[in-house]
Amino acid sequence: MRYLNECIAVIISAIILCTGCSKLQQGYDYEKSFYNTELNMSVMDFMKSRPDAFSGMLAAIEYVDQDPKFKDVKELYASSGNTFLLLHNNALTNLEDGNSYWVINTVLGPDPANPGNMITMRGSDWSQYSRDTIANLLRYHVVKGIQTYSTLNSKPRWVETFAYSTVNDSAKVYLYLENVREANLRINNYVGVPTVYKSTNIAANWVNIAPRTPDLHATNGVVHIMGRWLFQPTRQAIKNN
């Protein structure tokens, strides 16, 4: 009887071992997956396909396009061979994000409790801002040329945006890839980034800015989706970096 029990135990152990090996073997030849960066559509069509992410930016583009002086802005998004820093709603219009454009760039509006008085409040519509200001914001987030992982390296460079002009010669962005295994793309991470913007302490929130989704390839350019809007550096910052 003792011999029989030992034989049964050995047989059961062998079955368990073989079953485990079989499961391991089945999982060995796994199917590889790759991050697909091809959008297979234009930049504008991509934004329109994701109103949950870009309704604020689309509304800003339409707002400035109503003035013939700013027709160039919407046309930028049909241009080819450039880099588009697309601003997620969190970066622009999300009032629950303390760093969004509407939250930090306050406006004057009637006091709900006393409409005869004007008070400072968060933005709620692009019409509360001048078209010139918003046009310049949008132009600044379109970078000249293809700026992607295949063209950048760990050596930082200043690159002109479409807000650049002879009277606005600091409209550049600072780009580089971190010298680490992940090679994170960093934007405007330079020495001398302001710590205060319009009386708001932004020191901890505009450091080491990276796209929330980088290196997407539209049919007319490269897209980096941003969770932060960017402000222009000063001439002195460009000189010092």
Protein backbone atom coordinates (compact mmCIF):
# COMPACT_ATOMS: atom_id res chain seq x y z
CA MET A 1 0.00 0.00 0.00
CA ARG A 2 2.83 2.34 0.86
CA TYR A 3 4.47 1.58 -2.48
CA LEU A 4 1.18 2.25 -4.29
CA ASN A 5 0.74 5.63 -2.59
CA GLU A 6 4.29 6.65 -3.51
CA CYS A 7 3.66 5.74 -7.15
CA ILE A 8 0.43 7.76 -7.23
CA ALA A 9 2.22 10.78 -5.74
CA VAL A 10 4.97 10.56 -8.35
CA ILE A 11 2.44 10.32 -11.18
CA ILE A 12 0.45 13.32 -9.91
CA SER A 13 3.64 15.38 -9.56
CA ALA A 14 4.67 14.52 -13.11
CA ILE A 15 1.24 15.56 -14.47
CA ILE A 16 1.40 18.91 -12.65
CA LEU A 17 4.94 19.54 -13.89
CA CYS A 18 4.05 18.75 -17.51
CA THR A 19 0.95 20.94 -17.37
CA GLY A 20 3.01 23.86 -16.05
CA CYS A 21 5.65 23.37 -18.74
CA SER A 22 2.94 23.29 -21.37
CA LYS A 23 1.55 26.62 -20.20
CA LEU A 24 4.99 28.18 -20.14
CA GLN A 25 5.70 26.89 -23.61
CA GLN A 26 2.43 28.29 -24.94
CA GLY A 27 3.32 31.74 -23.63
CA TYR A 28 6.86 31.69 -24.93
CA ASP A 29 6.10 32.52 -28.56
CA TYR A 30 4.28 35.79 -27.82
CA GLU A 31 3.05 38.14 -30.50
CA LYS A 32 5.03 41.38 -30.61
CA SER A 33 3.20 44.71 -30.61
CA PHE A 34 4.48 48.12 -31.68
CA TYR A 35 3.45 51.70 -30.94
CA ASN A 36 1.83 52.95 -34.15
CA THR A 37 2.74 56.59 -34.76
CA GLU A 38 1.01 56.95 -38.13
CA LEU A 39 -2.19 59.01 -37.98
CA ASN A 40 -3.01 58.51 -41.68
CA MET A 41 -4.81 61.86 -41.78
CA SER A 42 -3.98 65.55 -41.79
CA VAL A 43 -3.35 67.51 -38.60
CA MET A 44 -6.68 69.31 -38.88
CA ASP A 45 -8.60 66.10 -39.54
CA PHE A 46 -6.90 64.49 -36.55
CA MET A 47 -8.02 67.34 -34.26
CA LYS A 48 -11.55 67.13 -35.64
CA SER A 49 -11.57 63.38 -34.99
CA ARG A 50 -10.81 64.02 -31.30
CA PRO A 51 -13.10 66.82 -30.07
CA ASP A 52 -12.76 65.38 -26.58
CA ALA A 53 -9.11 66.45 -26.68
CA PHE A 54 -8.99 69.41 -29.08
CA SER A 55 -12.35 71.22 -29.01
CA GLY A 56 -10.69 74.16 -27.26
CA MET A 57 -7.94 74.50 -29.85
CA LEU A 58 -10.36 74.11 -32.75
CA ALA A 59 -12.56 76.84 -31.28
CA ALA A 60 -9.53 79.11 -30.89
CA ILE A 61 -8.57 78.57 -34.54
CA GLU A 62 -12.10 79.34 -35.71
CA TYR A 63 -12.23 82.43 -33.49
CA VAL A 64 -9.16 84.06 -35.02
CA ASP A 65 -10.13 82.91 -38.51
CA GLN A 66 -13.18 85.17 -38.36
CA ASP A 67 -10.87 88.15 -38.90
CA PRO A 68 -9.27 88.36 -42.38
CA LYS A 69 -6.05 89.63 -40.78
CA PHE A 70 -5.48 86.22 -39.20
CA LYS A 71 -6.38 83.88 -42.08
CA ASP A 72 -2.80 82.61 -42.04
CA VAL A 73 -3.38 80.81 -38.72
CA LYS A 74 -5.90 78.24 -39.92
CA GLU A 75 -3.89 77.80 -43.12
CA LEU A 76 -0.88 76.78 -41.03
CA TYR A 77 -2.59 73.53 -40.13
CA ALA A 78 -2.78 72.61 -43.82
CA SER A 79 0.92 73.37 -44.35
CA SER A 80 3.40 70.55 -44.91
CA GLY A 81 6.78 69.80 -43.42
CA ASN A 82 6.28 71.44 -40.02
CA THR A 83 5.85 70.37 -36.40
CA PHE A 84 2.55 70.93 -34.61
CA LEU A 85 2.39 71.26 -30.83
CA LEU A 86 -1.29 70.49 -30.44
CA LEU A 87 -2.77 71.80 -27.22
CA HIS A 88 -5.00 69.39 -25.34
CA ASN A 89 -8.13 70.80 -23.71
CA ASN A 90 -6.37 70.42 -20.34
CA ALA A 91 -3.79 72.92 -21.55
CA LEU A 92 -6.29 75.49 -22.80
CA THR A 93 -9.87 75.44 -21.59
CA ASN A 94 -10.16 72.97 -18.72
CA LEU A 95 -11.15 75.09 -15.71
CA GLU A 96 -10.35 72.18 -13.38
CA ASP A 97 -6.70 72.33 -14.43
CA GLY A 98 -5.05 75.12 -12.47
CA ASN A 99 -2.48 75.63 -15.24
CA SER A 100 -4.80 75.89 -18.24
CA TYR A 101 -4.74 79.01 -20.38
CA TRP A 102 -8.21 80.13 -19.31
CA VAL A 103 -7.37 79.71 -15.62
CA ILE A 104 -4.06 81.58 -15.61
CA ASN A 105 -4.96 84.25 -18.17
CA THR A 106 -7.83 85.79 -16.26
CA VAL A 107 -10.29 88.27 -17.78
CA LEU A 108 -12.58 91.01 -16.53
CA GLY A 109 -16.27 90.19 -16.38
CA PRO A 110 -19.46 91.23 -14.61
CA ASP A 111 -19.81 90.11 -11.01
CA PRO A 112 -22.62 87.49 -10.91
CA ALA A 113 -23.68 88.86 -7.54
CA ASN A 114 -23.57 92.46 -8.73
CA PRO A 115 -23.57 92.76 -12.54
CA GLY A 116 -22.78 96.45 -12.31
CA ASN A 117 -19.28 95.64 -11.04
CA MET A 118 -16.44 94.14 -13.07
CA ILE A 119 -14.29 91.49 -11.41
CA THR A 120 -11.34 89.31 -12.38
CA MET A 121 -12.38 85.80 -13.36
CA ARG A 122 -11.27 82.78 -15.31
CA GLY A 123 -11.88 82.75 -19.02
CA SER A 124 -14.90 80.95 -20.40
CA ASP A 125 -14.90 81.86 -24.09
CA TRP A 126 -12.24 82.85 -26.63
CA SER A 127 -14.12 86.05 -27.40
CA GLN A 128 -12.90 87.35 -24.03
CA TYR A 129 -9.38 87.55 -25.49
CA SER A 130 -8.06 89.64 -28.33
CA ARG A 131 -7.71 87.81 -31.64
CA ASP A 132 -4.18 89.12 -31.98
CA THR A 133 -3.18 87.47 -28.68
CA ILE A 134 -4.74 84.11 -29.54
CA ALA A 135 -3.39 84.18 -33.11
CA ASN A 136 0.10 84.66 -31.72
CA LEU A 137 -0.45 81.82 -29.22
CA LEU A 138 -1.46 79.46 -32.02
CA ARG A 139 1.38 80.51 -34.31
CA TYR A 140 3.86 79.91 -31.49
CA HIS A 141 2.75 76.30 -31.25
CA VAL A 142 3.61 75.52 -34.87
CA VAL A 143 7.35 74.94 -35.16
CA LYS A 144 9.17 75.35 -38.44
CA GLY A 145 10.50 72.15 -39.97
CA ILE A 146 10.24 68.53 -38.87
CA GLN A 147 11.29 68.26 -35.22
CA THR A 148 11.09 64.63 -34.22
CA TYR A 149 13.12 61.78 -32.77
CA SER A 150 14.88 61.23 -36.08
CA THR A 151 16.04 64.86 -36.34
CA LEU A 152 16.72 65.83 -32.71
CA ASN A 153 19.41 64.68 -30.29
CA SER A 154 20.65 65.47 -26.78
CA LYS A 155 22.16 68.78 -27.89
CA PRO A 156 19.52 71.48 -27.27
CA ARG A 157 18.60 73.84 -30.05
CA TRP A 158 16.42 76.91 -30.47
CA VAL A 159 13.96 76.55 -33.34
CA GLU A 160 11.79 79.28 -34.84
CA THR A 161 8.03 79.07 -34.69
CA PHE A 162 5.53 80.74 -37.01
CA ALA A 163 5.11 83.52 -34.45
CA TYR A 164 8.69 84.57 -35.24
CA SER A 165 9.16 87.91 -37.00
CA THR A 166 11.55 90.83 -37.06
CA VAL A 167 9.58 92.43 -34.23
CA ASN A 168 9.06 89.17 -32.35
CA ASP A 169 12.44 87.51 -32.66
CA SER A 170 12.18 85.55 -29.39
CA ALA A 171 9.34 83.39 -30.69
CA LYS A 172 11.42 80.22 -30.54
CA VAL A 173 11.18 76.92 -28.73
CA TYR A 174 14.01 75.02 -27.04
CA LEU A 175 14.11 71.36 -28.04
CA TYR A 176 16.23 68.36 -27.15
CA LEU A 177 16.08 64.67 -26.29
CA GLU A 178 17.09 63.69 -22.78
CA ASN A 179 20.29 61.71 -22.68
CA VAL A 180 18.60 58.72 -21.04
CA ARG A 181 17.36 55.39 -22.31
CA GLU A 182 13.82 56.71 -22.86
CA ALA A 183 15.14 59.77 -24.79
CA ASN A 184 12.25 61.93 -23.58
CA LEU A 185 11.54 64.98 -25.71
CA ARG A 186 11.85 68.18 -23.65
CA ILE A 187 10.41 71.51 -24.76
CA ASN A 188 11.38 74.94 -23.36
CA ASN A 189 13.35 73.37 -20.53
CA TYR A 190 16.04 76.06 -20.42
CA VAL A 191 17.92 77.95 -17.73
CA GLY A 192 15.95 81.01 -16.70
CA VAL A 193 12.38 79.78 -17.24
CA PRO A 194 10.16 82.32 -15.44
CA THR A 195 8.90 81.26 -12.03
CA VAL A 196 6.03 83.77 -12.04
CA TYR A 197 3.63 84.50 -14.89
CA LYS A 198 0.96 87.19 -14.51
CA SER A 199 1.32 87.06 -10.70
CA THR A 200 0.89 83.27 -10.73
CA ASN A 201 3.62 81.08 -9.25
CA ILE A 202 4.34 78.59 -12.03
CA ALA A 203 7.79 77.45 -10.91
CA ALA A 204 6.87 73.81 -10.37
CA ASN A 205 4.60 73.47 -13.38
CA TRP A 206 6.62 74.71 -16.35
CA VAL A 207 9.77 72.69 -15.70
CA ASN A 208 10.73 69.59 -17.70
CA ILE A 209 7.79 70.02 -20.04
CA ALA A 210 7.32 67.03 -22.31
CA PRO A 211 4.49 66.11 -24.69
CA ARG A 212 1.81 63.88 -23.23
CA THR A 213 1.93 62.02 -26.57
CA PRO A 214 4.99 62.64 -28.77
CA ASP A 215 6.04 61.89 -32.31
CA LEU A 216 2.78 61.23 -34.13
CA HIS A 217 3.00 61.44 -37.91
CA ALA A 218 0.17 63.16 -39.77
CA THR A 219 0.08 63.28 -43.55
CA ASN A 220 1.32 66.88 -43.51
CA GLY A 221 3.67 67.01 -40.53
CA VAL A 222 4.72 65.81 -37.10
CA VAL A 223 2.43 66.12 -34.07
CA HIS A 224 3.34 66.35 -30.39
CA ILE A 225 0.30 66.55 -28.10
CA MET A 226 0.89 68.97 -25.24
CA GLY A 227 -0.68 69.03 -21.79
CA ARG A 228 0.79 72.50 -21.17
CA TRP A 229 0.59 75.63 -23.30
CA LEU A 230 3.93 77.34 -23.82
CA PHE A 231 4.95 80.96 -23.42
CA GLN A 232 7.77 82.62 -25.30
CA PRO A 233 11.24 82.97 -23.80
CA THR A 234 12.88 86.35 -23.45
CA ARG A 235 15.70 87.45 -25.71
CA GLN A 236 18.04 87.23 -22.72
CA ALA A 237 17.04 83.60 -22.07
CA ILE A 238 17.82 82.72 -25.69
CA LYS A 239 21.17 84.46 -25.40
CA ASN A 240 22.03 82.68 -22.13
CA ASN A 241 21.15 79.23 -23.44
